[in-house]
């Protein structure tokens, strides 16, 4: 019995089949890696929007807390809609002293650039703290920032609609587009029903 090896043609065909299988597996692995990265970006973007909304809505729900019926203001709406900074100031008498001068009783929340920040004091010289970054408030991606706070009445609002659009920190490798996630919440203010 003589043993015969593979011919050159058989080896080339075997290498071709092996190369095609490796290329297919590589394509599937790359696609799955891109899909996984896109899912990670989406989760981070959604969490960013949700946590921001939760903090803002929590503060807005306390607006107008006036246990002594001192006639305190509820909110002050954005004084300059054209300046590119969307903001609202919230008043609540948490320490029940008939005023909103204590810490955390006057909260100015604003959207500037890609971040939400707030000042937990009525002192205009107090610094702002960054609540979150990655907030574009550009839901359709046209480069125009939509307002974050939309009161039903500029002077005496009863309802404030809050819209937050978070944008992923990187573009989706599959589409080349940034992932956007928008949340909307309508908050009915105290003593305005």
Foldseek 3Di string as FASTA:
>chain_A
DDDDDDDPVRVVVVVVVVVVVVVVVVVVVVVVVLVVVVVVLVVVQVVQQVVVVVVVLVQLQQFPAAVPPLVDHRKAADPDPPPQKGKMWGAHDPVNPSHQQDFQRIKIWIDDAFWIWIDRGPDPVGDIDTPGGQWQCPQVPPNDHDHQWDFPDNPRGQKIKGKTKGWGPAARPVPRHIDIDMDIDIHGGPPRD
